[in-house]
């Protein structure tokens, strides 16, 4: 290990004084001491801090489960858009604050893959916020009751990636819908988003109490969005007994 590499490790650990004084200390000791053991020790500290930070980001994201792309059964349903998922795994859409819409029936892997991309983002060092739309609505309503909406918004807007699951399954009160619109409008300047939905886009407007608000919010969702349509057989029904279709009179 040379002094430049050791200095880089010290800077990574935010040991600025040690990094700055390294040359002087080595000069005083005539660079007689081996640096390999020091480098190994610092490398372990760096790895430990990275793992601790990753675990903290995953915990703060509140993923319902930690999934991976490798654990997904791609062979079960060849209609799952694997190529597009792998492109999203490069996370350029996260860095560019764009949206990925996962649309399709239940049981096709939308949530599993959304969470896997969220874990990848956390591993890259990004903060992630994960919630179903029902949970997001509850968070907003509780924050309004506690007069802490600004705290909630700060938390969400500090996350680089949002994962909103099951969009369109519950309706919103007008004041809540207005806050959701405000969030989605402000998100485009600081955060990316993955949104999953098993409802057709034509049904989305029904969750809003006002058609103008619905149109404006949905417009924000399709702004620079990557749309992935999930089709095929449900993975959740794999291996289960399929009931026969009853004929009239039976």
Foldseek 3Di string as FASTA:
>chain_A
DDLVLVLVLCVLVVVPVCSVCVVVVCVVVVVPDDCVVVNVVSVVVSVVVLVVQLVVLVVQQPQVDAAAPVPDDCPVWVQFPPVVLVVCLVVPLLVQQEEEEEEAAPQQCLSRSLNNSVSSCSSVPFREHEDEVVVVLVVCVVCVVVVNNVVVLVVHLRGSEYEYEAQLPAAHDAVSLVVLQVSLVVSSVGHHYYYYHHDDPVRNCVSHPDNVSSVSSVVSNPDNYHYTYGDDDRNVCPPPDDDDDDDPPD
